[in-house]
């Protein structure tokens, strides 16, 4: 019996689907944001603040950022799994990226709900 050697990321359908779903969420948000920015904003701080004062835009923006961070995590993780062979270095890089993305998510919460 030959034992198969599994190399690389190979997470399969779940991560492929997550990449597509997060990409769709980001694309839909981009269209909504572009329409809102082009129709309601005059460039002043007050108009930007008014745009993000509603709960929908805050939630949609936060959902966009969560999708962005998860999308980035899947992509970077797969790159590390495929191309970084030393396990210790790969674990260190994974840890740094996860900590950065969690920090960025916290920063997004702080910015959005500080308005």
PDB file of N, CA and C in Angstrom:
ATOM      1  N   UNK A   1       0.842  -1.168   0.000  1.00  0.00           N
ATOM      2  CA  UNK A   1       0.000   0.000   0.000  1.00  0.00           C
ATOM      3  C   UNK A   1       0.892   1.237   0.000  1.00  0.00           C
ATOM      4  N   UNK A   2       0.594   2.170  -0.881  1.00  0.00           N
ATOM      5  CA  UNK A   2       1.355   3.400  -0.987  1.00  0.00           C
ATOM      6  C   UNK A   2       0.602   4.488  -0.249  1.00  0.00           C
ATOM      7  N   UNK A   3       1.289   5.128   0.674  1.00  0.00           N
ATOM      8  CA  UNK A   3       0.683   6.227   1.430  1.00  0.00           C
ATOM      9  C   UNK A   3       0.856   7.520   0.633  1.00  0.00           C
ATOM     10  N   UNK A   4      -0.243   8.206   0.317  1.00  0.00           N
ATOM     11  CA  UNK A   4      -0.118   9.434  -0.469  1.00  0.00           C
ATOM     12  C   UNK A   4       0.553  10.539   0.349  1.00  0.00           C
ATOM     13  N   UNK A   5       1.362  11.315  -0.322  1.00  0.00           N
ATOM     14  CA  UNK A   5       2.015  12.452   0.317  1.00  0.00           C
ATOM     15  C   UNK A   5       1.214  13.694  -0.032  1.00  0.00           C
ATOM     16  N   UNK A   6       0.744  14.361   0.999  1.00  0.00           N
ATOM     17  CA  UNK A   6      -0.056  15.562   0.801  1.00  0.00           C
ATOM     18  C   UNK A   6       0.842  16.768   1.033  1.00  0.00           C
ATOM     19  N   UNK A   7       0.941  17.604   0.031  1.00  0.00           N
ATOM     20  CA  UNK A   7       1.755  18.812   0.142  1.00  0.00           C
ATOM     21  C   UNK A   7       0.907  20.010  -0.233  1.00  0.00           C
ATOM     22  N   UNK A   8       1.290  21.153   0.283  1.00  0.00           N
ATOM     23  CA  UNK A   8       0.594  22.379  -0.074  1.00  0.00           C
ATOM     24  C   UNK A   8      -0.686  22.574   0.721  1.00  0.00           C
ATOM     25  N   UNK A   9      -1.443  23.549   0.308  1.00  0.00           N
ATOM     26  CA  UNK A   9      -2.638  23.943   1.043  1.00  0.00           C
ATOM     27  C   UNK A   9      -3.774  22.933   0.844  1.00  0.00           C
ATOM     28  N   UNK A  10      -4.231  22.727  -0.360  1.00  0.00           N
ATOM     29  CA  UNK A  10      -5.253  21.735  -0.717  1.00  0.00           C
ATOM     30  C   UNK A  10      -6.441  21.688   0.247  1.00  0.00           C
ATOM     31  N   UNK A  11      -7.027  22.830   0.533  1.00  0.00           N
ATOM     32  CA  UNK A  11      -8.177  22.843   1.430  1.00  0.00           C
ATOM     33  C   UNK A  11      -9.471  22.564   0.695  1.00  0.00           C
ATOM     34  N   UNK A  12      -9.461  22.707  -0.604  1.00  0.00           N
ATOM     35  CA  UNK A  12     -10.572  22.242  -1.389  1.00  0.00           C
ATOM     36  C   UNK A  12     -11.730  23.189  -1.550  1.00  0.00           C
ATOM     37  N   UNK A  13     -12.893  22.579  -1.678  1.00  0.00           N
ATOM     38  CA  UNK A  13     -14.100  23.296  -2.054  1.00  0.00           C
ATOM     39  C   UNK A  13     -14.501  24.364  -1.051  1.00  0.00           C
ATOM     40  N   UNK A  14     -14.362  24.101   0.224  1.00  0.00           N
ATOM     41  CA  UNK A  14     -14.769  25.067   1.252  1.00  0.00           C
ATOM     42  C   UNK A  14     -14.038  26.403   1.090  1.00  0.00           C
ATOM     43  N   UNK A  15     -12.736  26.344   0.922  1.00  0.00           N
ATOM     44  CA  UNK A  15     -11.986  27.591   0.770  1.00  0.00           C
ATOM     45  C   UNK A  15     -12.208  28.224  -0.594  1.00  0.00           C
ATOM     46  N   UNK A  16     -12.382  27.412  -1.619  1.00  0.00           N
ATOM     47  CA  UNK A  16     -12.706  27.947  -2.939  1.00  0.00           C
ATOM     48  C   UNK A  16     -14.020  28.726  -2.866  1.00  0.00           C
ATOM     49  N   UNK A  17     -15.017  28.139  -2.208  1.00  0.00           N
ATOM     50  CA  UNK A  17     -16.309  28.798  -2.064  1.00  0.00           C
ATOM     51  C   UNK A  17     -16.200  30.061  -1.205  1.00  0.00           C
ATOM     52  N   UNK A  18     -15.437  29.998  -0.140  1.00  0.00           N
ATOM     53  CA  UNK A  18     -15.255  31.172   0.726  1.00  0.00           C
ATOM     54  C   UNK A  18     -14.607  32.316  -0.050  1.00  0.00           C
ATOM     55  N   UNK A  19     -13.643  32.005  -0.897  1.00  0.00           N
ATOM     56  CA  UNK A  19     -13.011  33.037  -1.723  1.00  0.00           C
ATOM     57  C   UNK A  19     -14.042  33.694  -2.639  1.00  0.00           C
ATOM     58  N   UNK A  20     -14.904  32.890  -3.225  1.00  0.00           N
ATOM     59  CA  UNK A  20     -15.905  33.435  -4.151  1.00  0.00           C
ATOM     60  C   UNK A  20     -16.958  34.250  -3.417  1.00  0.00           C
ATOM     61  N   UNK A  21     -17.412  33.759  -2.278  1.00  0.00           N
ATOM     62  CA  UNK A  21     -18.438  34.478  -1.513  1.00  0.00           C
ATOM     63  C   UNK A  21     -17.893  35.816  -1.016  1.00  0.00           C
ATOM     64  N   UNK A  22     -16.677  35.805  -0.466  1.00  0.00           N
ATOM     65  CA  UNK A  22     -16.113  37.068   0.018  1.00  0.00           C
ATOM     66  C   UNK A  22     -15.868  38.035  -1.134  1.00  0.00           C
ATOM     67  N   UNK A  23     -15.484  37.527  -2.295  1.00  0.00           N
ATOM     68  CA  UNK A  23     -15.294  38.395  -3.453  1.00  0.00           C
ATOM     69  C   UNK A  23     -16.615  39.027  -3.886  1.00  0.00           C
ATOM     70  N   UNK A  24     -17.691  38.257  -3.853  1.00  0.00           N
ATOM     71  CA  UNK A  24     -19.005  38.804  -4.215  1.00  0.00           C
ATOM     72  C   UNK A  24     -19.442  39.858  -3.204  1.00  0.00           C
ATOM     73  N   UNK A  25     -19.242  39.594  -1.919  1.00  0.00           N
ATOM     74  CA  UNK A  25     -19.593  40.577  -0.884  1.00  0.00           C
ATOM     75  C   UNK A  25     -18.831  41.875  -1.120  1.00  0.00           C
ATOM     76  N   UNK A  26     -17.539  41.774  -1.408  1.00  0.00           N
ATOM     77  CA  UNK A  26     -16.736  42.984  -1.642  1.00  0.00           C
ATOM     78  C   UNK A  26     -17.173  43.714  -2.906  1.00  0.00           C
ATOM     79  N   UNK A  27     -17.530  42.975  -3.953  1.00  0.00           N
ATOM     80  CA  UNK A  27     -17.974  43.608  -5.192  1.00  0.00           C
ATOM     81  C   UNK A  27     -19.305  44.329  -5.005  1.00  0.00           C
ATOM     82  N   UNK A  28     -20.241  43.691  -4.312  1.00  0.00           N
ATOM     83  CA  UNK A  28     -21.547  44.321  -4.067  1.00  0.00           C
ATOM     84  C   UNK A  28     -21.375  45.571  -3.217  1.00  0.00           C
ATOM     85  N   UNK A  29     -20.542  45.483  -2.172  1.00  0.00           N
ATOM     86  CA  UNK A  29     -20.296  46.662  -1.333  1.00  0.00           C
ATOM     87  C   UNK A  29     -19.670  47.789  -2.157  1.00  0.00           C
ATOM     88  N   UNK A  30     -18.755  47.459  -3.036  1.00  0.00           N
ATOM     89  CA  UNK A  30     -18.094  48.479  -3.844  1.00  0.00           C
ATOM     90  C   UNK A  30     -19.109  49.212  -4.711  1.00  0.00           C
ATOM     91  N   UNK A  31     -20.048  48.494  -5.280  1.00  0.00           N
ATOM     92  CA  UNK A  31     -21.085  49.128  -6.099  1.00  0.00           C
ATOM     93  C   UNK A  31     -21.973  50.016  -5.228  1.00  0.00           C
ATOM     94  N   UNK A  32     -22.398  49.505  -4.070  1.00  0.00           N
ATOM     95  CA  UNK A  32     -23.243  50.295  -3.158  1.00  0.00           C
ATOM     96  C   UNK A  32     -22.516  51.543  -2.699  1.00  0.00           C
ATOM     97  N   UNK A  33     -21.251  51.384  -2.320  1.00  0.00           N
ATOM     98  CA  UNK A  33     -20.479  52.531  -1.849  1.00  0.00           C
ATOM     99  C   UNK A  33     -20.280  53.555  -2.964  1.00  0.00           C
ATOM    100  N   UNK A  34     -19.980  53.093  -4.174  1.00  0.00           N
ATOM    101  CA  UNK A  34     -19.775  54.020  -5.291  1.00  0.00           C
ATOM    102  C   UNK A  34     -21.046  54.811  -5.589  1.00  0.00           C
ATOM    103  N   UNK A  35     -22.175  54.131  -5.594  1.00  0.00           N
ATOM    104  CA  UNK A  35     -23.442  54.828  -5.841  1.00  0.00           C
ATOM    105  C   UNK A  35     -23.710  55.844  -4.736  1.00  0.00           C
ATOM    106  N   UNK A  36     -23.519  55.438  -3.483  1.00  0.00           N
ATOM    107  CA  UNK A  36     -23.752  56.353  -2.364  1.00  0.00           C
ATOM    108  C   UNK A  36     -22.798  57.537  -2.410  1.00  0.00           C
ATOM    109  N   UNK A  37     -21.549  57.285  -2.721  1.00  0.00           N
ATOM    110  CA  UNK A  37     -20.564  58.359  -2.755  1.00  0.00           C
ATOM    111  C   UNK A  37     -20.823  59.329  -3.906  1.00  0.00           C
ATOM    112  N   UNK A  38     -21.223  58.810  -5.042  1.00  0.00           N
ATOM    113  CA  UNK A  38     -21.448  59.675  -6.200  1.00  0.00           C
ATOM    114  C   UNK A  38     -22.744  60.465  -6.102  1.00  0.00           C
ATOM    115  N   UNK A  39     -23.735  59.948  -5.395  1.00  0.00           N
ATOM    116  CA  UNK A  39     -25.031  60.620  -5.357  1.00  0.00           C
ATOM    117  C   UNK A  39     -25.242  61.487  -4.126  1.00  0.00           C
ATOM    118  N   UNK A  40     -24.566  61.183  -3.028  1.00  0.00           N
ATOM    119  CA  UNK A  40     -24.885  61.919  -1.797  1.00  0.00           C
ATOM    120  C   UNK A  40     -23.743  62.740  -1.233  1.00  0.00           C
ATOM    121  N   UNK A  41     -22.553  62.558  -1.706  1.00  0.00           N
ATOM    122  CA  UNK A  41     -21.422  63.235  -1.082  1.00  0.00           C
ATOM    123  C   UNK A  41     -20.996  64.465  -1.864  1.00  0.00           C
ATOM    124  N   UNK A  42     -20.702  65.522  -1.115  1.00  0.00           N
ATOM    125  CA  UNK A  42     -20.148  66.720  -1.733  1.00  0.00           C
ATOM    126  C   UNK A  42     -18.669  66.884  -1.386  1.00  0.00           C
ATOM    127  N   UNK A  43     -18.101  65.917  -0.683  1.00  0.00           N
ATOM    128  CA  UNK A  43     -16.687  65.951  -0.337  1.00  0.00           C
ATOM    129  C   UNK A  43     -16.382  66.506   1.033  1.00  0.00           C
ATOM    130  N   UNK A  44     -17.396  66.997   1.719  1.00  0.00           N
ATOM    131  CA  UNK A  44     -17.152  67.571   3.039  1.00  0.00           C
ATOM    132  C   UNK A  44     -17.144  66.477   4.108  1.00  0.00           C
ATOM    133  N   UNK A  45     -16.527  66.816   5.214  1.00  0.00           N
ATOM    134  CA  UNK A  45     -16.476  65.887   6.335  1.00  0.00           C
ATOM    135  C   UNK A  45     -17.876  65.549   6.827  1.00  0.00           C
ATOM    136  N   UNK A  46     -18.750  66.525   6.851  1.00  0.00           N
ATOM    137  CA  UNK A  46     -20.105  66.314   7.344  1.00  0.00           C
ATOM    138  C   UNK A  46     -20.880  65.326   6.472  1.00  0.00           C
ATOM    139  N   UNK A  47     -20.693  65.391   5.168  1.00  0.00           N
ATOM    140  CA  UNK A  47     -21.411  64.452   4.289  1.00  0.00           C
ATOM    141  C   UNK A  47     -20.865  63.031   4.442  1.00  0.00           C
ATOM    142  N   UNK A  48     -19.552  62.898   4.602  1.00  0.00           N
ATOM    143  CA  UNK A  48     -18.987  61.565   4.853  1.00  0.00           C
ATOM    144  C   UNK A  48     -19.495  61.018   6.176  1.00  0.00           C
ATOM    145  N   UNK A  49     -19.517  61.875   7.171  1.00  0.00           N
ATOM    146  CA  UNK A  49     -19.993  61.456   8.491  1.00  0.00           C
ATOM    147  C   UNK A  49     -21.467  61.048   8.428  1.00  0.00           C
ATOM    148  N   UNK A  50     -22.262  61.797   7.689  1.00  0.00           N
ATOM    149  CA  UNK A  50     -23.685  61.472   7.549  1.00  0.00           C
ATOM    150  C   UNK A  50     -23.872  60.136   6.823  1.00  0.00           C
ATOM    151  N   UNK A  51     -23.036  59.875   5.822  1.00  0.00           N
ATOM    152  CA  UNK A  51     -23.136  58.612   5.094  1.00  0.00           C
ATOM    153  C   UNK A  51     -22.909  57.420   6.023  1.00  0.00           C
ATOM    154  N   UNK A  52     -21.946  57.534   6.912  1.00  0.00           N
ATOM    155  CA  UNK A  52     -21.604  56.420   7.795  1.00  0.00           C
ATOM    156  C   UNK A  52     -22.308  56.478   9.141  1.00  0.00           C
ATOM    157  N   UNK A  53     -23.179  57.449   9.348  1.00  0.00           N
ATOM    158  CA  UNK A  53     -23.879  57.534  10.640  1.00  0.00           C
ATOM    159  C   UNK A  53     -25.017  56.506  10.724  1.00  0.00           C
ATOM    160  N   UNK A  54     -25.521  56.079   9.596  1.00  0.00           N
ATOM    161  CA  UNK A  54     -26.580  55.080   9.600  1.00  0.00           C
ATOM    162  C   UNK A  54     -26.048  53.689   9.890  1.00  0.00           C
ATOM    163  N   UNK A  55     -26.863  52.876  10.505  1.00  0.00           N
ATOM    164  CA  UNK A  55     -26.447  51.531  10.871  1.00  0.00           C
ATOM    165  C   UNK A  55     -26.163  50.646   9.684  1.00  0.00           C
ATOM    166  N   UNK A  56     -26.905  50.825   8.581  1.00  0.00           N
ATOM    167  CA  UNK A  56     -26.697  49.971   7.416  1.00  0.00           C
ATOM    168  C   UNK A  56     -25.302  50.144   6.841  1.00  0.00           C
ATOM    169  N   UNK A  57     -24.868  51.381   6.656  1.00  0.00           N
ATOM    170  CA  UNK A  57     -23.567  51.613   6.030  1.00  0.00           C
ATOM    171  C   UNK A  57     -22.426  51.163   6.939  1.00  0.00           C
ATOM    172  N   UNK A  58     -22.586  51.349   8.237  1.00  0.00           N
ATOM    173  CA  UNK A  58     -21.561  50.854   9.169  1.00  0.00           C
ATOM    174  C   UNK A  58     -21.471  49.339   9.090  1.00  0.00           C
ATOM    175  N   UNK A  59     -22.617  48.676   9.125  1.00  0.00           N
ATOM    176  CA  UNK A  59     -22.622  47.218   9.062  1.00  0.00           C
ATOM    177  C   UNK A  59     -22.072  46.725   7.727  1.00  0.00           C
ATOM    178  N   UNK A  60     -22.499  47.346   6.628  1.00  0.00           N
ATOM    179  CA  UNK A  60     -22.030  46.928   5.305  1.00  0.00           C
ATOM    180  C   UNK A  60     -20.520  47.127   5.178  1.00  0.00           C
ATOM    181  N   UNK A  61     -20.014  48.217   5.710  1.00  0.00           N
ATOM    182  CA  UNK A  61     -18.578  48.477   5.655  1.00  0.00           C
ATOM    183  C   UNK A  61     -17.819  47.468   6.507  1.00  0.00           C
ATOM    184  N   UNK A  62     -18.348  47.172   7.681  1.00  0.00           N
ATOM    185  CA  UNK A  62     -17.690  46.183   8.538  1.00  0.00           C
ATOM    186  C   UNK A  62     -17.720  44.805   7.887  1.00  0.00           C
ATOM    187  N   UNK A  63     -18.831  44.452   7.262  1.00  0.00           N
ATOM    188  CA  UNK A  63     -18.923  43.182   6.546  1.00  0.00           C
ATOM    189  C   UNK A  63     -17.920  43.143   5.386  1.00  0.00           C
ATOM    190  N   UNK A  64     -17.756  44.270   4.714  1.00  0.00           N
ATOM    191  CA  UNK A  64     -16.754  44.367   3.654  1.00  0.00           C
ATOM    192  C   UNK A  64     -15.358  44.083   4.207  1.00  0.00           C
ATOM    193  N   UNK A  65     -15.017  44.725   5.330  1.00  0.00           N
ATOM    194  CA  UNK A  65     -13.687  44.527   5.894  1.00  0.00           C
ATOM    195  C   UNK A  65     -13.480  43.101   6.390  1.00  0.00           C
ATOM    196  N   UNK A  66     -14.493  42.516   7.018  1.00  0.00           N
ATOM    197  CA  UNK A  66     -14.354  41.118   7.433  1.00  0.00           C
ATOM    198  C   UNK A  66     -14.158  40.205   6.224  1.00  0.00           C
ATOM    199  N   UNK A  67     -14.895  40.459   5.165  1.00  0.00           N
ATOM    200  CA  UNK A  67     -14.732  39.676   3.940  1.00  0.00           C
ATOM    201  C   UNK A  67     -13.340  39.863   3.357  1.00  0.00           C
ATOM    202  N   UNK A  68     -12.870  41.089   3.356  1.00  0.00           N
ATOM    203  CA  UNK A  68     -11.533  41.380   2.851  1.00  0.00           C
ATOM    204  C   UNK A  68     -10.465  40.642   3.651  1.00  0.00           C
ATOM    205  N   UNK A  69     -10.585  40.685   4.981  1.00  0.00           N
ATOM    206  CA  UNK A  69      -9.576  40.047   5.827  1.00  0.00           C
ATOM    207  C   UNK A  69      -9.618  38.532   5.690  1.00  0.00           C
ATOM    208  N   UNK A  70     -10.801  37.948   5.596  1.00  0.00           N
ATOM    209  CA  UNK A  70     -10.888  36.497   5.436  1.00  0.00           C
ATOM    210  C   UNK A  70     -10.385  36.068   4.067  1.00  0.00           C
ATOM    211  N   UNK A  71     -10.735  36.850   3.042  1.00  0.00           N
ATOM    212  CA  UNK A  71     -10.268  36.592   1.686  1.00  0.00           C
ATOM    213  C   UNK A  71      -8.738  36.643   1.649  1.00  0.00           C
ATOM    214  N   UNK A  72      -8.176  37.656   2.280  1.00  0.00           N
ATOM    215  CA  UNK A  72      -6.714  37.790   2.326  1.00  0.00           C
ATOM    216  C   UNK A  72      -6.086  36.633   3.097  1.00  0.00           C
ATOM    217  N   UNK A  73      -6.715  36.225   4.209  1.00  0.00           N
ATOM    218  CA  UNK A  73      -6.162  35.133   5.003  1.00  0.00           C
ATOM    219  C   UNK A  73      -6.088  33.843   4.188  1.00  0.00           C
ATOM    220  N   UNK A  74      -7.154  33.522   3.474  1.00  0.00           N
ATOM    221  CA  UNK A  74      -7.151  32.286   2.682  1.00  0.00           C
ATOM    222  C   UNK A  74      -6.050  32.339   1.625  1.00  0.00           C
ATOM    223  N   UNK A  75      -5.935  33.459   0.941  1.00  0.00           N
ATOM    224  CA  UNK A  75      -4.920  33.582  -0.097  1.00  0.00           C
ATOM    225  C   UNK A  75      -3.503  33.517   0.440  1.00  0.00           C
ATOM    226  N   UNK A  76      -3.231  34.261   1.499  1.00  0.00           N
ATOM    227  CA  UNK A  76      -1.880  34.279   2.067  1.00  0.00           C
ATOM    228  C   UNK A  76      -1.546  32.929   2.682  1.00  0.00           C
ATOM    229  N   UNK A  77      -2.500  32.321   3.368  1.00  0.00           N
ATOM    230  CA  UNK A  77      -2.266  31.003   3.970  1.00  0.00           C
ATOM    231  C   UNK A  77      -1.917  29.977   2.901  1.00  0.00           C
ATOM    232  N   UNK A  78      -2.635  29.987   1.795  1.00  0.00           N
ATOM    233  CA  UNK A  78      -2.350  29.036   0.726  1.00  0.00           C
ATOM    234  C   UNK A  78      -0.975  29.277   0.110  1.00  0.00           C
ATOM    235  N   UNK A  79      -0.609  30.531  -0.058  1.00  0.00           N
ATOM    236  CA  UNK A  79       0.722  30.848  -0.583  1.00  0.00           C
ATOM    237  C   UNK A  79       1.796  30.337   0.371  1.00  0.00           C
ATOM    238  N   UNK A  80       1.615  30.591   1.674  1.00  0.00           N
ATOM    239  CA  UNK A  80       2.597  30.107   2.655  1.00  0.00           C
ATOM    240  C   UNK A  80       2.669  28.586   2.655  1.00  0.00           C
ATOM    241  N   UNK A  81       1.517  27.933   2.591  1.00  0.00           N
ATOM    242  CA  UNK A  81       1.508  26.465   2.608  1.00  0.00           C
ATOM    243  C   UNK A  81       2.194  25.889   1.369  1.00  0.00           C
ATOM    244  N   UNK A  82       2.066  26.564   0.249  1.00  0.00           N
ATOM    245  CA  UNK A  82       2.653  26.051  -0.987  1.00  0.00           C
ATOM    246  C   UNK A  82       4.144  26.361  -1.120  1.00  0.00           C
ATOM    247  N   UNK A  83       4.579  27.506  -0.614  1.00  0.00           N
ATOM    248  CA  UNK A  83       5.931  27.949  -0.934  1.00  0.00           C
ATOM    249  C   UNK A  83       6.886  28.069   0.258  1.00  0.00           C
ATOM    250  N   UNK A  84       6.391  28.074   1.476  1.00  0.00           N
ATOM    251  CA  UNK A  84       7.266  28.152   2.657  1.00  0.00           C
ATOM    252  C   UNK A  84       7.367  26.754   3.243  1.00  0.00           C
ATOM    253  N   UNK A  85       8.496  26.109   3.047  1.00  0.00           N
ATOM    254  CA  UNK A  85       8.643  24.709   3.462  1.00  0.00           C
ATOM    255  C   UNK A  85       9.029  24.534   4.931  1.00  0.00           C
ATOM    256  N   UNK A  86       9.922  25.343   5.519  1.00  0.00           N
ATOM    257  CA  UNK A  86      10.252  25.140   6.937  1.00  0.00           C
ATOM    258  C   UNK A  86       9.027  25.409   7.824  1.00  0.00           C
ATOM    259  N   UNK A  87       8.651  24.422   8.612  1.00  0.00           N
ATOM    260  CA  UNK A  87       7.413  24.500   9.391  1.00  0.00           C
ATOM    261  C   UNK A  87       7.453  25.650  10.395  1.00  0.00           C
ATOM    262  N   UNK A  88       8.588  25.847  11.044  1.00  0.00           N
ATOM    263  CA  UNK A  88       8.690  26.924  12.033  1.00  0.00           C
ATOM    264  C   UNK A  88       8.496  28.297  11.422  1.00  0.00           C
ATOM    265  N   UNK A  89       9.112  28.529  10.279  1.00  0.00           N
ATOM    266  CA  UNK A  89       8.951  29.807   9.586  1.00  0.00           C
ATOM    267  C   UNK A  89       7.514  29.998   9.135  1.00  0.00           C
ATOM    268  N   UNK A  90       6.917  28.926   8.597  1.00  0.00           N
ATOM    269  CA  UNK A  90       5.528  29.001   8.144  1.00  0.00           C
ATOM    270  C   UNK A  90       4.590  29.317   9.303  1.00  0.00           C
ATOM    271  N   UNK A  91       4.784  28.669  10.450  1.00  0.00           N
ATOM    272  CA  UNK A  91       3.962  28.930  11.629  1.00  0.00           C
ATOM    273  C   UNK A  91       4.131  30.367  12.105  1.00  0.00           C
ATOM    274  N   UNK A  92       5.361  30.851  12.087  1.00  0.00           N
ATOM    275  CA  UNK A  92       5.612  32.234  12.485  1.00  0.00           C
ATOM    276  C   UNK A  92       4.908  33.206  11.551  1.00  0.00           C
ATOM    277  N   UNK A  93       5.028  32.974  10.258  1.00  0.00           N
ATOM    278  CA  UNK A  93       4.365  33.852   9.293  1.00  0.00           C
ATOM    279  C   UNK A  93       2.848  33.780   9.413  1.00  0.00           C
ATOM    280  N   UNK A  94       2.304  32.588   9.602  1.00  0.00           N
ATOM    281  CA  UNK A  94       0.856  32.451   9.814  1.00  0.00           C
ATOM    282  C   UNK A  94       0.427  33.257  11.040  1.00  0.00           C
ATOM    283  N   UNK A  95       1.180  33.135  12.116  1.00  0.00           N
ATOM    284  CA  UNK A  95       0.836  33.838  13.356  1.00  0.00           C
ATOM    285  C   UNK A  95       0.870  35.347  13.164  1.00  0.00           C
ATOM    286  N   UNK A  96       1.903  35.834  12.486  1.00  0.00           N
ATOM    287  CA  UNK A  96       2.010  37.275  12.250  1.00  0.00           C
ATOM    288  C   UNK A  96       0.835  37.773  11.415  1.00  0.00           C
ATOM    289  N   UNK A  97       0.495  37.050  10.359  1.00  0.00           N
ATOM    290  CA  UNK A  97      -0.603  37.470   9.484  1.00  0.00           C
ATOM    291  C   UNK A  97      -1.933  37.441  10.241  1.00  0.00           C
ATOM    292  N   UNK A  98      -2.177  36.391  11.022  1.00  0.00           N
ATOM    293  CA  UNK A  98      -3.427  36.315  11.790  1.00  0.00           C
ATOM    294  C   UNK A  98      -3.511  37.478  12.782  1.00  0.00           C
ATOM    295  N   UNK A  99      -2.436  37.743  13.495  1.00  0.00           N
ATOM    296  CA  UNK A  99      -2.446  38.846  14.462  1.00  0.00           C
ATOM    297  C   UNK A  99      -2.680  40.185  13.771  1.00  0.00           C
ATOM    298  N   UNK A 100      -2.055  40.391  12.631  1.00  0.00           N
ATOM    299  CA  UNK A 100      -2.281  41.630  11.889  1.00  0.00           C
ATOM    300  C   UNK A 100      -3.731  41.760  11.426  1.00  0.00           C
ATOM    301  N   UNK A 101      -4.293  40.690  10.871  1.00  0.00           N
ATOM    302  CA  UNK A 101      -5.667  40.760  10.370  1.00  0.00           C
ATOM    303  C   UNK A 101      -6.673  40.964  11.495  1.00  0.00           C
ATOM    304  N   UNK A 102      -6.452  40.310  12.640  1.00  0.00           N
ATOM    305  CA  UNK A 102      -7.334  40.530  13.795  1.00  0.00           C
ATOM    306  C   UNK A 102      -7.187  41.972  14.285  1.00  0.00           C
ATOM    307  N   UNK A 103      -5.969  42.466  14.312  1.00  0.00           N
ATOM    308  CA  UNK A 103      -5.752  43.863  14.701  1.00  0.00           C
ATOM    309  C   UNK A 103      -6.426  44.836  13.753  1.00  0.00           C
ATOM    310  N   UNK A 104      -6.336  44.555  12.456  1.00  0.00           N
ATOM    311  CA  UNK A 104      -7.000  45.411  11.477  1.00  0.00           C
ATOM    312  C   UNK A 104      -8.516  45.377  11.646  1.00  0.00           C
ATOM    313  N   UNK A 105      -9.070  44.211  11.969  1.00  0.00           N
ATOM    314  CA  UNK A 105     -10.519  44.116  12.207  1.00  0.00           C
ATOM    315  C   UNK A 105     -10.911  44.949  13.426  1.00  0.00           C
ATOM    316  N   UNK A 106     -10.118  44.877  14.475  1.00  0.00           N
ATOM    317  CA  UNK A 106     -10.383  45.707  15.651  1.00  0.00           C
ATOM    318  C   UNK A 106     -10.283  47.187  15.336  1.00  0.00           C
ATOM    319  N   UNK A 107      -9.328  47.539  14.529  1.00  0.00           N
ATOM    320  CA  UNK A 107      -9.152  48.928  14.120  1.00  0.00           C
ATOM    321  C   UNK A 107     -10.352  49.393  13.303  1.00  0.00           C
ATOM    322  N   UNK A 108     -10.862  48.532  12.427  1.00  0.00           N
ATOM    323  CA  UNK A 108     -12.046  48.876  11.636  1.00  0.00           C
ATOM    324  C   UNK A 108     -13.249  49.116  12.540  1.00  0.00           C
ATOM    325  N   UNK A 109     -13.420  48.280  13.559  1.00  0.00           N
ATOM    326  CA  UNK A 109     -14.525  48.474  14.522  1.00  0.00           C
ATOM    327  C   UNK A 109     -14.364  49.810  15.213  1.00  0.00           C
ATOM    328  N   UNK A 110     -13.147  50.105  15.657  1.00  0.00           N
ATOM    329  CA  UNK A 110     -12.902  51.369  16.349  1.00  0.00           C
ATOM    330  C   UNK A 110     -13.224  52.566  15.459  1.00  0.00           C
ATOM    331  N   UNK A 111     -12.808  52.506  14.216  1.00  0.00           N
ATOM    332  CA  UNK A 111     -13.050  53.632  13.296  1.00  0.00           C
ATOM    333  C   UNK A 111     -14.539  53.756  12.999  1.00  0.00           C
ATOM    334  N   UNK A 112     -15.196  52.653  12.692  1.00  0.00           N
ATOM    335  CA  UNK A 112     -16.595  52.738  12.277  1.00  0.00           C
ATOM    336  C   UNK A 112     -17.530  53.145  13.403  1.00  0.00           C
ATOM    337  N   UNK A 113     -17.307  52.651  14.584  1.00  0.00           N
ATOM    338  CA  UNK A 113     -18.236  52.965  15.665  1.00  0.00           C
ATOM    339  C   UNK A 113     -17.793  54.144  16.519  1.00  0.00           C
ATOM    340  N   UNK A 114     -16.722  54.810  16.104  1.00  0.00           N
ATOM    341  CA  UNK A 114     -16.309  56.040  16.754  1.00  0.00           C
ATOM    342  C   UNK A 114     -17.029  57.217  16.134  1.00  0.00           C
ATOM    343  N   UNK A 115     -17.516  57.041  14.914  1.00  0.00           N
ATOM    344  CA  UNK A 115     -18.185  58.144  14.211  1.00  0.00           C
ATOM    345  C   UNK A 115     -19.360  58.680  14.971  1.00  0.00           C
TER     346      UNK A 115
END
